[in-house]
N, C-alpha and C. Protein backbone atom coordinates (compact mmCIF):
# COMPACT_ATOMS: atom_id res chain seq x y z
N UNK A 1 0.78 -1.21 -0.12
CA UNK A 1 -0.07 0.04 -0.01
C UNK A 1 0.92 1.23 -0.01
N UNK A 2 0.48 2.28 -0.70
CA UNK A 2 1.09 3.56 -0.79
C UNK A 2 0.64 4.46 0.39
N UNK A 3 1.60 4.81 1.23
CA UNK A 3 1.25 5.67 2.34
C UNK A 3 2.00 6.79 2.49
N UNK A 4 1.32 8.06 2.78
CA UNK A 4 2.16 9.20 3.13
C UNK A 4 1.66 9.42 4.59
N UNK A 5 2.66 10.15 5.35
CA UNK A 5 2.35 10.56 6.67
C UNK A 5 2.99 11.80 6.99
N UNK A 6 2.48 12.46 8.07
CA UNK A 6 3.14 13.71 8.58
C UNK A 6 3.31 13.46 10.06
N UNK A 7 4.58 13.87 10.58
CA UNK A 7 4.55 13.84 12.07
C UNK A 7 5.00 15.12 12.65
N UNK A 8 4.49 15.54 13.65
CA UNK A 8 4.58 16.91 14.33
C UNK A 8 4.32 16.77 15.89
N UNK A 9 5.31 17.40 16.54
CA UNK A 9 4.93 17.43 18.10
C UNK A 9 5.07 18.87 18.48
N UNK A 10 4.69 19.28 19.74
CA UNK A 10 4.80 20.67 20.15
C UNK A 10 6.07 21.38 19.97
N UNK A 11 7.19 20.69 20.36
CA UNK A 11 8.48 21.33 20.31
C UNK A 11 9.13 21.21 18.97
N UNK A 12 8.59 20.07 18.14
CA UNK A 12 9.14 19.97 16.81
C UNK A 12 10.64 19.44 16.78
N UNK A 13 11.08 18.67 17.76
CA UNK A 13 12.36 18.19 17.65
C UNK A 13 12.35 16.76 17.81
N UNK A 14 12.77 16.16 18.94
CA UNK A 14 12.94 14.70 18.95
C UNK A 14 11.77 13.84 18.46
N UNK A 15 10.68 14.05 19.22
CA UNK A 15 9.39 13.06 18.86
C UNK A 15 8.94 13.08 17.39
N UNK A 16 9.09 14.36 16.89
CA UNK A 16 8.77 14.51 15.41
C UNK A 16 9.49 13.50 14.63
N UNK A 17 10.91 13.57 14.87
CA UNK A 17 11.70 12.75 14.00
C UNK A 17 11.79 11.14 14.34
N UNK A 18 11.72 10.93 15.63
CA UNK A 18 11.32 9.64 16.15
C UNK A 18 10.19 8.86 15.60
N UNK A 19 9.11 9.53 15.52
CA UNK A 19 8.00 9.12 15.02
C UNK A 19 7.92 8.78 13.41
N UNK A 20 8.62 9.76 12.77
CA UNK A 20 8.87 9.60 11.29
C UNK A 20 9.73 8.29 11.08
N UNK A 21 10.65 8.17 11.82
CA UNK A 21 11.60 6.92 11.69
C UNK A 21 10.82 5.72 11.87
N UNK A 22 10.02 5.65 12.93
CA UNK A 22 9.34 4.45 13.26
C UNK A 22 8.30 4.07 12.27
N UNK A 23 7.49 5.06 11.68
CA UNK A 23 6.52 4.87 10.69
C UNK A 23 7.26 4.38 9.45
N UNK A 24 8.32 4.99 8.90
CA UNK A 24 9.01 4.51 7.88
C UNK A 24 9.47 3.08 7.90
N UNK A 25 10.22 2.76 9.13
CA UNK A 25 10.84 1.54 9.34
C UNK A 25 9.81 0.33 9.33
N UNK A 26 8.83 0.56 10.23
CA UNK A 26 7.69 -0.40 10.44
C UNK A 26 6.99 -0.61 9.15
N UNK A 27 6.62 0.47 8.43
CA UNK A 27 5.96 0.38 7.11
C UNK A 27 6.58 -0.59 6.15
N UNK A 28 7.94 -0.19 5.91
CA UNK A 28 8.61 -1.07 5.03
C UNK A 28 8.73 -2.47 5.50
N UNK A 29 8.88 -2.74 6.71
CA UNK A 29 8.99 -4.05 7.20
C UNK A 29 7.70 -4.84 6.91
N UNK A 30 6.54 -4.19 7.03
CA UNK A 30 5.15 -4.70 6.64
C UNK A 30 4.83 -4.72 5.13
N UNK A 31 5.75 -4.25 4.22
CA UNK A 31 5.68 -4.30 2.77
C UNK A 31 4.92 -3.09 2.29
N UNK A 32 4.83 -1.95 3.10
CA UNK A 32 4.17 -0.81 2.41
C UNK A 32 5.34 0.22 1.88
N UNK A 33 4.89 1.08 0.97
CA UNK A 33 5.72 2.18 0.51
C UNK A 33 5.20 3.36 1.28
N UNK A 34 6.16 3.91 2.05
CA UNK A 34 5.84 5.03 3.02
C UNK A 34 6.77 6.28 2.88
N UNK A 35 6.25 7.37 2.76
CA UNK A 35 6.99 8.46 2.82
C UNK A 35 6.43 9.43 3.99
N UNK A 36 7.30 9.94 4.78
CA UNK A 36 6.98 10.82 5.98
C UNK A 36 7.49 12.22 5.81
N UNK A 37 6.55 13.11 5.84
CA UNK A 37 7.02 14.64 5.96
C UNK A 37 6.96 15.03 7.50
N UNK A 38 8.09 15.64 7.89
CA UNK A 38 8.02 16.18 9.28
C UNK A 38 7.82 17.65 9.35
N UNK A 39 7.03 18.04 10.34
CA UNK A 39 6.74 19.41 10.58
C UNK A 39 7.27 19.67 11.96
N UNK A 40 8.52 20.22 12.09
CA UNK A 40 9.05 20.54 13.29
C UNK A 40 9.74 21.99 13.51
N UNK A 41 10.78 22.00 14.30
CA UNK A 41 11.34 23.30 14.69
C UNK A 41 12.06 23.92 13.29
N UNK A 42 12.33 23.17 12.43
CA UNK A 42 13.05 23.49 11.08
C UNK A 42 11.98 23.81 9.96
N UNK A 43 10.63 23.80 10.49
CA UNK A 43 9.52 24.00 9.43
C UNK A 43 9.28 22.66 8.77
N UNK A 44 8.73 22.65 7.64
CA UNK A 44 8.39 21.38 6.81
C UNK A 44 9.59 20.87 6.09
N UNK A 45 9.87 19.53 6.54
CA UNK A 45 11.00 18.89 5.81
C UNK A 45 10.47 17.70 5.12
N UNK A 46 11.21 17.24 4.03
CA UNK A 46 10.75 16.09 3.16
C UNK A 46 9.37 16.27 2.79
N UNK A 47 9.02 17.46 2.21
CA UNK A 47 7.67 17.80 1.94
C UNK A 47 7.09 16.90 1.04
N UNK A 48 5.86 16.47 1.26
CA UNK A 48 5.12 15.57 0.32
C UNK A 48 4.65 16.33 -0.89
N UNK A 49 4.86 15.72 -2.06
CA UNK A 49 4.33 16.48 -3.33
C UNK A 49 3.08 16.09 -3.57
N UNK A 50 2.40 16.96 -4.47
CA UNK A 50 0.97 16.62 -4.85
C UNK A 50 0.78 15.29 -5.40
N UNK A 51 1.68 14.76 -6.20
CA UNK A 51 1.67 13.50 -6.85
C UNK A 51 1.75 12.52 -5.86
N UNK A 52 2.68 12.55 -4.76
CA UNK A 52 2.77 11.65 -3.82
C UNK A 52 1.37 11.38 -2.94
N UNK A 53 0.80 12.60 -2.63
CA UNK A 53 -0.39 12.57 -2.03
C UNK A 53 -1.58 12.03 -2.82
N UNK A 54 -1.57 12.36 -4.12
CA UNK A 54 -2.58 11.74 -4.97
C UNK A 54 -2.52 10.24 -5.10
N UNK A 55 -1.23 9.81 -5.20
CA UNK A 55 -0.92 8.36 -5.29
C UNK A 55 -1.25 7.54 -3.95
N UNK A 56 -1.27 8.28 -2.80
CA UNK A 56 -1.42 7.51 -1.61
C UNK A 56 -2.91 6.96 -1.42
N UNK A 57 -2.87 5.79 -0.82
CA UNK A 57 -4.07 5.16 -0.58
C UNK A 57 -4.41 5.41 0.94
N UNK A 58 -3.55 6.12 1.77
CA UNK A 58 -3.82 6.25 3.12
C UNK A 58 -2.88 7.42 3.56
N UNK A 59 -3.26 8.08 4.30
CA UNK A 59 -2.50 9.28 5.11
C UNK A 59 -2.50 9.01 6.58
N UNK A 60 -1.45 8.99 7.25
CA UNK A 60 -1.11 8.78 8.61
C UNK A 60 -0.70 10.15 9.05
N UNK A 61 -1.43 10.72 10.11
CA UNK A 61 -1.16 11.91 10.86
C UNK A 61 -0.69 11.58 12.25
N UNK A 62 0.64 11.51 12.52
CA UNK A 62 1.01 11.31 13.78
C UNK A 62 1.35 12.60 14.42
N UNK A 63 0.58 13.24 15.01
CA UNK A 63 0.64 14.76 15.31
C UNK A 63 -0.02 15.10 16.63
N UNK A 64 0.68 15.94 17.36
CA UNK A 64 0.22 16.53 18.61
C UNK A 64 -0.16 17.98 18.52
N UNK A 65 -0.04 18.50 17.38
CA UNK A 65 -0.31 19.86 17.12
C UNK A 65 -1.14 19.94 15.80
N UNK A 66 -1.61 21.11 15.50
CA UNK A 66 -2.15 21.41 14.22
C UNK A 66 -1.21 21.52 13.08
N UNK A 67 -1.32 20.92 12.13
CA UNK A 67 -0.23 20.95 11.09
C UNK A 67 -0.56 21.89 9.96
N UNK A 68 0.49 22.23 9.29
CA UNK A 68 0.44 23.29 8.19
C UNK A 68 -0.22 22.45 6.94
N UNK A 69 -0.91 23.18 6.14
CA UNK A 69 -1.28 22.72 4.88
C UNK A 69 -2.04 21.39 4.86
N UNK A 70 -3.01 21.19 6.04
CA UNK A 70 -3.74 20.07 6.23
C UNK A 70 -4.75 19.75 5.13
N UNK A 71 -5.15 20.82 4.56
CA UNK A 71 -6.16 20.71 3.43
C UNK A 71 -5.78 19.74 2.26
N UNK A 72 -4.46 19.60 2.16
CA UNK A 72 -3.78 18.73 0.98
C UNK A 72 -4.28 17.35 1.13
N UNK A 73 -4.83 17.03 2.31
CA UNK A 73 -5.22 15.60 2.42
C UNK A 73 -6.71 15.38 2.36
N UNK A 74 -7.62 16.56 2.19
CA UNK A 74 -8.97 16.52 2.03
C UNK A 74 -9.41 15.43 0.98
N UNK A 75 -10.31 14.46 1.41
CA UNK A 75 -10.83 13.56 0.46
C UNK A 75 -10.09 12.23 0.50
N UNK A 76 -8.97 12.31 1.37
CA UNK A 76 -8.08 10.98 1.55
C UNK A 76 -8.50 10.18 2.83
N UNK A 77 -8.37 8.98 2.77
CA UNK A 77 -8.45 8.25 4.07
C UNK A 77 -7.33 8.58 5.00
N UNK A 78 -7.91 9.05 6.19
CA UNK A 78 -6.81 9.49 7.18
C UNK A 78 -6.88 8.62 8.44
N UNK A 79 -5.81 8.27 8.95
CA UNK A 79 -5.60 7.75 10.35
C UNK A 79 -4.86 8.79 11.30
N UNK A 80 -5.40 9.33 12.12
CA UNK A 80 -4.83 10.39 13.02
C UNK A 80 -4.50 9.79 14.47
N UNK A 81 -3.35 9.81 14.81
CA UNK A 81 -2.75 9.36 16.25
C UNK A 81 -1.85 10.30 16.74
N UNK A 82 -1.62 10.12 18.07
CA UNK A 82 -0.69 10.97 18.78
C UNK A 82 0.76 10.63 18.27
N UNK A 83 1.76 11.45 18.23
CA UNK A 83 3.08 11.09 17.79
C UNK A 83 3.63 10.11 18.77
N UNK A 84 3.38 10.06 19.95
CA UNK A 84 3.89 8.93 20.93
C UNK A 84 3.50 7.53 20.39
N UNK A 85 2.30 7.48 20.00
CA UNK A 85 1.85 6.06 19.48
C UNK A 85 2.78 5.47 18.50
N UNK A 86 3.16 6.51 17.50
CA UNK A 86 4.00 6.12 16.31
C UNK A 86 5.28 5.66 16.81
N UNK A 87 5.71 6.24 17.88
CA UNK A 87 7.15 5.98 18.46
C UNK A 87 7.09 4.69 19.26
N UNK A 88 6.14 4.51 19.96
CA UNK A 88 6.05 3.33 20.98
C UNK A 88 5.33 2.12 20.35
N UNK A 89 4.44 2.27 19.46
CA UNK A 89 3.70 1.02 18.93
C UNK A 89 3.33 1.36 17.49
N UNK A 90 4.19 1.54 16.52
CA UNK A 90 3.68 1.85 15.23
C UNK A 90 3.06 0.56 14.41
N UNK A 91 3.22 -0.53 15.00
CA UNK A 91 2.43 -1.66 14.36
C UNK A 91 0.92 -1.45 14.65
N UNK A 92 0.61 -0.92 15.78
CA UNK A 92 -0.83 -0.85 16.02
C UNK A 92 -1.58 0.06 15.07
N UNK A 93 -0.79 1.11 14.51
CA UNK A 93 -1.36 2.00 13.53
C UNK A 93 -1.55 1.25 12.26
N UNK A 94 -0.43 0.58 11.74
CA UNK A 94 -0.76 -0.38 10.59
C UNK A 94 -1.76 -1.40 10.74
N UNK A 95 -2.00 -1.81 12.02
CA UNK A 95 -3.05 -2.82 12.01
C UNK A 95 -4.52 -2.34 11.85
N UNK A 96 -4.63 -0.95 11.81
CA UNK A 96 -5.83 -0.35 11.43
C UNK A 96 -6.27 -0.33 10.02
N UNK A 97 -5.19 -0.70 9.24
CA UNK A 97 -5.48 -0.69 7.91
C UNK A 97 -6.55 -1.47 7.29
N UNK A 98 -6.80 -2.67 8.01
CA UNK A 98 -7.91 -3.60 7.68
C UNK A 98 -9.21 -3.22 8.17
N UNK A 99 -9.19 -2.27 9.15
CA UNK A 99 -10.53 -1.90 9.89
C UNK A 99 -11.31 -0.90 9.25
């Protein structure tokens, strides 16, 4: 499955990047194609393109704050979770794909 994700935490430092790493790593292990954009202290990094979003079958928002440009995902299937869940138990997020 093609998946795009955004991670963001209030300070935009450690948890944002830890969540991104876990979502990418776990997604690959489960056979998914995953690209993660981070919105942190450095602003938007690894920004998702319109084509990547259009091709995605699912959007994961692992966020603890309101993200920039959320409207890009209008009309897409979205799973929204706290960033901590992406860090501690990313498999539980991917388990929701069947539900």
